[in-house]
Amino acid sequence: MATAVRPKLVVAYHSSSNPPFEIAEAARNLCDLTWVFDFTDPLLSPLLPLIRRLGTVVDTAGLSDAEVAARVVSC
């Protein structure tokens, strides 16, 4: 039997975003998460181990918008 593909929600995460657990809980039964943020941001980098457990992660550090979009699409 084929398994249904879950929709993907891309979260452009920022220091002013809701807490990761809050976002993940809200999305839990609806979709898979792809987190997009700059790993070099000193406010966000400590969250990386946690966010990796909550979904796919895309690093934006040093990338153009087009490069970020290409990485998100390839996830």
C-alpha atoms as a PDB file:
ATOM      1  CA  MET A   1       0.000   0.000   0.000  1.00  0.00           C
ATOM      2  CA  ALA A   2       1.358   3.436  -0.922  1.00  0.00           C
ATOM      3  CA  THR A   3       2.096   5.874   1.874  1.00  0.00           C
ATOM      4  CA  ALA A   4       0.623   9.349   1.513  1.00  0.00           C
ATOM      5  CA  VAL A   5       3.143  12.135   1.095  1.00  0.00           C
ATOM      6  CA  ARG A   6       2.715  14.757   3.781  1.00  0.00           C
ATOM      7  CA  PRO A   7       2.724  18.416   2.806  1.00  0.00           C
ATOM      8  CA  LYS A   8       5.800  20.439   3.679  1.00  0.00           C
ATOM      9  CA  LEU A   9       5.734  23.772   5.512  1.00  0.00           C
ATOM     10  CA  VAL A  10       8.812  25.948   5.147  1.00  0.00           C
ATOM     11  CA  VAL A  11       9.500  28.029   8.249  1.00  0.00           C
ATOM     12  CA  ALA A  12      11.762  31.043   7.713  1.00  0.00           C
ATOM     13  CA  TYR A  13      12.905  31.078  11.327  1.00  0.00           C
ATOM     14  CA  HIS A  14      14.048  34.290  13.017  1.00  0.00           C
ATOM     15  CA  SER A  15      14.811  35.325  16.575  1.00  0.00           C
ATOM     16  CA  SER A  16      11.359  36.926  16.803  1.00  0.00           C
ATOM     17  CA  SER A  17       9.568  33.757  15.613  1.00  0.00           C
ATOM     18  CA  ASN A  18       7.434  31.682  17.941  1.00  0.00           C
ATOM     19  CA  PRO A  19       9.379  29.007  19.854  1.00  0.00           C
ATOM     20  CA  PRO A  20      10.314  25.953  17.747  1.00  0.00           C
ATOM     21  CA  PHE A  21       8.339  23.524  19.924  1.00  0.00           C
ATOM     22  CA  GLU A  22       5.224  25.667  19.567  1.00  0.00           C
ATOM     23  CA  ILE A  23       5.519  25.657  15.774  1.00  0.00           C
ATOM     24  CA  ALA A  24       6.272  21.928  15.661  1.00  0.00           C
ATOM     25  CA  GLU A  25       3.322  21.088  17.894  1.00  0.00           C
ATOM     26  CA  ALA A  26       0.931  23.147  15.769  1.00  0.00           C
ATOM     27  CA  ALA A  27       2.161  21.391  12.611  1.00  0.00           C
ATOM     28  CA  ARG A  28       2.459  17.887  14.041  1.00  0.00           C
ATOM     29  CA  ASN A  29      -0.677  16.384  12.513  1.00  0.00           C
ATOM     30  CA  LEU A  30      -0.686  18.556   9.400  1.00  0.00           C
ATOM     31  CA  CYS A  31       2.707  18.636   7.720  1.00  0.00           C
ATOM     32  CA  ASP A  32       6.455  18.141   7.889  1.00  0.00           C
ATOM     33  CA  LEU A  33       8.633  21.146   8.670  1.00  0.00           C
ATOM     34  CA  THR A  34      11.621  22.569   6.839  1.00  0.00           C
ATOM     35  CA  TRP A  35      13.397  25.193   8.927  1.00  0.00           C
ATOM     36  CA  VAL A  36      15.281  27.920   7.086  1.00  0.00           C
ATOM     37  CA  PHE A  37      17.709  30.159   8.965  1.00  0.00           C
ATOM     38  CA  ASP A  38      21.258  31.471   9.163  1.00  0.00           C
ATOM     39  CA  PHE A  39      23.378  29.065  11.212  1.00  0.00           C
ATOM     40  CA  THR A  40      25.849  31.873  11.946  1.00  0.00           C
ATOM     41  CA  ASP A  41      23.227  33.998  13.720  1.00  0.00           C
ATOM     42  CA  PRO A  42      24.387  33.994  17.365  1.00  0.00           C
ATOM     43  CA  LEU A  43      20.788  34.075  18.621  1.00  0.00           C
ATOM     44  CA  LEU A  44      19.710  31.104  16.512  1.00  0.00           C
ATOM     45  CA  SER A  45      22.750  28.834  16.305  1.00  0.00           C
ATOM     46  CA  PRO A  46      22.218  27.431  19.839  1.00  0.00           C
ATOM     47  CA  LEU A  47      18.798  26.182  18.671  1.00  0.00           C
ATOM     48  CA  LEU A  48      20.237  24.130  15.798  1.00  0.00           C
ATOM     49  CA  PRO A  49      20.403  20.765  17.642  1.00  0.00           C
ATOM     50  CA  LEU A  50      16.793  21.151  18.765  1.00  0.00           C
ATOM     51  CA  ILE A  51      15.490  22.298  15.394  1.00  0.00           C
ATOM     52  CA  ARG A  52      17.247  19.407  13.633  1.00  0.00           C
ATOM     53  CA  ARG A  53      15.095  17.051  15.718  1.00  0.00           C
ATOM     54  CA  LEU A  54      11.951  18.884  14.601  1.00  0.00           C
ATOM     55  CA  GLY A  55      12.454  18.712  10.836  1.00  0.00           C
ATOM     56  CA  THR A  56      14.730  19.331   7.904  1.00  0.00           C
ATOM     57  CA  VAL A  57      17.062  22.329   8.230  1.00  0.00           C
ATOM     58  CA  VAL A  58      18.411  24.643   5.514  1.00  0.00           C
ATOM     59  CA  ASP A  59      21.299  27.008   6.285  1.00  0.00           C
ATOM     60  CA  THR A  60      21.019  30.415   4.608  1.00  0.00           C
ATOM     61  CA  ALA A  61      24.453  31.731   5.613  1.00  0.00           C
ATOM     62  CA  GLY A  62      26.142  33.378   2.646  1.00  0.00           C
ATOM     63  CA  LEU A  63      23.513  32.247   0.128  1.00  0.00           C
ATOM     64  CA  SER A  64      21.466  34.297  -2.294  1.00  0.00           C
ATOM     65  CA  ASP A  65      17.678  34.048  -2.234  1.00  0.00           C
ATOM     66  CA  ALA A  66      17.821  31.868  -5.350  1.00  0.00           C
ATOM     67  CA  GLU A  67      20.316  29.498  -3.712  1.00  0.00           C
ATOM     68  CA  VAL A  68      18.173  29.216  -0.576  1.00  0.00           C
ATOM     69  CA  ALA A  69      15.095  28.522  -2.707  1.00  0.00           C
ATOM     70  CA  ALA A  70      16.969  25.801  -4.622  1.00  0.00           C
ATOM     71  CA  ARG A  71      18.008  24.121  -1.355  1.00  0.00           C
ATOM     72  CA  VAL A  72      14.476  24.252  -0.004  1.00  0.00           C
ATOM     73  CA  VAL A  73      13.084  22.701  -3.182  1.00  0.00           C
ATOM     74  CA  SER A  74      15.650  19.894  -3.047  1.00  0.00           C
ATOM     75  CA  CYS A  75      14.690  18.885   0.524  1.00  0.00           C
END
